[in-house]
Amino acid sequence: ELYMCKSDMDNFYHRICLPCWMRPYFGLPPVGKGRQRKWPTMRVLPMGWSHSVYLAQKIHEQIVSSATSLPAAAAAVLPGTPREIQGIRHGTYIEDFVGLSYDKNLLCEVYESLQKSYSIQKLPSNPRKCMPPEKSMMKALGIMVQPVGTLEPNPENF
């Protein structure tokens, strides 16, 4: 049977710091008067910025590839990917990671490496949304994955 795991980084956007040179571009109108006047600026990646999803996705992909050495070809969502799972298949979507494998030990190694890397990068996981490798049904990204390897839409989303 298929083993599955998932992780979710807690408040991912709000933990990605903007470089100092970019902060003035994410400022708000001044508040206060006289000497109390302040110009608030964002210090973290704003969720509403059109490039935030792209940057967050690329940051997470880099963390996954450096922490686990999983090749991009192992991604579950690439066009032309064979349907058979050999080793590990994985997917990242912004702050979420999903891993699938018939080899529990291999998947445990990847899961633990990722959790350690998230912690080192000061991007902790949200324990309520994480699931270490197991053989139970998993809901992730609006899809239900069954241990026999079938996928179906999550009825809670309808």
Protein backbone atom coordinates (compact mmCIF):
# COMPACT_ATOMS: atom_id res chain seq x y z
CA GLU A 1 0.00 0.00 0.00
CA LEU A 2 0.93 3.60 -0.51
CA TYR A 3 2.44 5.66 2.33
CA MET A 4 1.70 9.36 2.38
CA CYS A 5 2.94 12.37 4.29
CA LYS A 6 2.25 16.07 4.22
CA SER A 7 3.55 19.18 5.85
CA ASP A 8 2.43 22.77 5.98
CA MET A 9 4.65 25.67 6.95
CA ASP A 10 3.07 27.91 9.56
CA ASN A 11 2.43 31.51 8.39
CA PHE A 12 4.83 31.04 5.49
CA TYR A 13 4.37 34.46 3.82
CA HIS A 14 4.81 36.27 7.12
CA ARG A 15 8.13 34.54 7.76
CA ILE A 16 9.73 35.45 4.42
CA CYS A 17 11.54 38.72 5.03
CA LEU A 18 11.78 41.31 2.29
CA PRO A 19 15.25 42.66 1.58
CA CYS A 20 15.72 46.20 2.91
CA TRP A 21 15.98 47.67 -0.59
CA MET A 22 12.48 46.40 -1.48
CA ARG A 23 10.67 47.66 1.62
CA PRO A 24 10.04 51.22 0.37
CA TYR A 25 8.09 49.72 -2.54
CA PHE A 26 5.68 48.14 -0.05
CA GLY A 27 4.93 51.25 1.98
CA LEU A 28 1.64 52.65 3.16
CA PRO A 29 0.59 56.31 3.36
CA PRO A 30 2.07 58.14 6.35
CA VAL A 31 0.28 58.10 9.68
CA GLY A 32 0.53 60.61 12.52
CA LYS A 33 1.47 64.29 12.49
CA GLY A 34 4.59 66.34 12.97
CA ARG A 35 7.43 64.49 14.65
CA GLN A 36 5.12 61.52 15.26
CA ARG A 37 4.62 60.99 11.51
CA LYS A 38 5.60 57.47 10.39
CA TRP A 39 5.71 55.72 7.01
CA PRO A 40 4.82 52.07 7.65
CA THR A 41 6.39 49.54 5.32
CA MET A 42 6.09 45.79 4.94
CA ARG A 43 9.03 43.79 6.29
CA VAL A 44 7.67 40.46 5.05
CA LEU A 45 6.33 39.10 1.78
CA PRO A 46 2.83 40.55 1.30
CA MET A 47 0.19 37.96 0.45
CA GLY A 48 -1.60 40.27 -2.00
CA TRP A 49 1.42 41.09 -4.17
CA SER A 50 1.10 39.42 -7.58
CA HIS A 51 4.59 37.86 -7.38
CA SER A 52 4.30 36.54 -3.81
CA VAL A 53 2.97 33.12 -4.84
CA TYR A 54 5.79 32.67 -7.35
CA LEU A 55 8.50 33.67 -4.85
CA ALA A 56 7.06 31.55 -2.04
CA GLN A 57 6.76 28.56 -4.39
CA LYS A 58 10.37 28.89 -5.58
CA ILE A 59 11.65 29.28 -2.00
CA HIS A 60 9.83 26.12 -0.91
CA GLU A 61 11.04 24.16 -3.95
CA GLN A 62 14.62 25.20 -3.12
CA ILE A 63 14.21 24.07 0.49
CA VAL A 64 12.82 20.69 -0.65
CA SER A 65 15.57 20.10 -3.21
CA SER A 66 18.40 21.10 -0.87
CA ALA A 67 17.05 19.25 2.19
CA THR A 68 16.10 16.02 0.45
CA SER A 69 17.95 15.83 -2.88
CA LEU A 70 14.62 14.88 -4.47
CA PRO A 71 14.95 15.53 -8.20
CA ALA A 72 12.42 17.75 -9.91
CA ALA A 73 11.55 14.70 -12.03
CA ALA A 74 10.10 13.09 -8.88
CA ALA A 75 7.44 15.78 -8.69
CA ALA A 76 3.99 14.25 -8.91
CA VAL A 77 2.56 17.00 -11.05
CA LEU A 78 4.90 17.28 -14.03
CA PRO A 79 3.34 16.57 -17.46
CA GLY A 80 4.42 13.25 -18.88
CA THR A 81 5.33 11.79 -15.48
CA PRO A 82 4.81 8.00 -15.49
CA ARG A 83 1.86 6.85 -13.43
CA GLU A 84 3.90 4.26 -11.50
CA ILE A 85 5.52 5.49 -8.31
CA GLN A 86 9.13 4.42 -7.96
CA GLY A 87 10.94 5.83 -4.95
CA ILE A 88 9.10 8.98 -3.95
CA ARG A 89 6.67 11.25 -5.73
CA HIS A 90 6.18 14.65 -4.22
CA GLY A 91 4.48 17.95 -4.77
CA THR A 92 4.91 21.40 -3.34
CA TYR A 93 2.32 24.11 -3.50
CA ILE A 94 3.34 27.32 -1.79
CA GLU A 95 3.64 26.26 1.89
CA ASP A 96 2.43 22.66 1.44
CA PHE A 97 4.47 19.52 0.77
CA VAL A 98 2.99 16.13 -0.09
CA GLY A 99 5.03 12.92 -0.39
CA LEU A 100 3.93 9.53 -1.72
CA SER A 101 5.91 6.27 -1.66
CA TYR A 102 5.59 2.53 -1.21
CA ASP A 103 8.79 2.69 0.87
CA LYS A 104 7.89 3.94 4.36
CA ASN A 105 11.52 4.24 5.54
CA LEU A 106 12.49 6.36 2.54
CA LEU A 107 9.48 8.61 3.02
CA CYS A 108 10.24 8.96 6.75
CA GLU A 109 13.79 10.09 5.92
CA VAL A 110 12.48 12.74 3.53
CA TYR A 111 9.80 13.92 5.96
CA GLU A 112 12.25 14.21 8.86
CA SER A 113 14.84 15.99 6.69
CA LEU A 114 12.24 18.50 5.61
CA GLN A 115 11.03 19.16 9.13
CA LYS A 116 14.61 19.73 10.25
CA SER A 117 15.32 22.03 7.30
CA TYR A 118 12.15 24.06 7.93
CA SER A 119 13.25 24.54 11.52
CA ILE A 120 16.79 25.58 10.52
CA GLN A 121 15.34 28.09 8.05
CA LYS A 122 13.05 29.44 10.81
CA LEU A 123 10.01 28.28 8.84
CA PRO A 124 8.31 25.97 11.34
CA SER A 125 5.60 23.54 10.33
CA ASN A 126 2.03 23.83 11.51
CA PRO A 127 1.66 20.60 13.54
CA ARG A 128 -2.13 20.58 13.14
CA LYS A 129 -1.75 20.31 9.35
CA CYS A 130 1.20 17.90 9.19
CA MET A 131 1.00 14.15 8.81
CA PRO A 132 4.07 11.91 9.14
CA PRO A 133 4.20 8.93 6.74
CA GLU A 134 1.29 6.57 7.22
CA LYS A 135 -1.14 4.42 5.24
CA SER A 136 -4.35 6.28 5.91
CA MET A 137 -6.44 8.46 3.63
CA MET A 138 -4.97 11.94 3.29
CA LYS A 139 -6.57 15.23 2.33
CA ALA A 140 -4.22 17.66 0.66
CA LEU A 141 -4.70 20.56 -1.72
CA GLY A 142 -8.40 19.81 -2.20
CA ILE A 143 -7.76 16.17 -3.13
CA MET A 144 -8.27 12.97 -1.18
CA VAL A 145 -5.53 10.38 -1.67
CA GLN A 146 -6.43 6.81 -0.76
CA PRO A 147 -3.77 4.25 0.39
CA VAL A 148 -4.48 2.21 -2.75
CA GLY A 149 -3.24 5.19 -4.79
CA THR A 150 -6.51 6.63 -6.06
CA LEU A 151 -7.21 10.35 -6.15
CA GLU A 152 -10.59 12.00 -5.87
CA PRO A 153 -11.89 15.49 -5.18
CA ASN A 154 -12.40 16.30 -1.51
CA PRO A 155 -16.21 16.49 -1.05
CA GLU A 156 -15.73 19.09 1.72
CA ASN A 157 -14.72 21.56 -1.00
CA PHE A 158 -18.07 21.33 -2.77
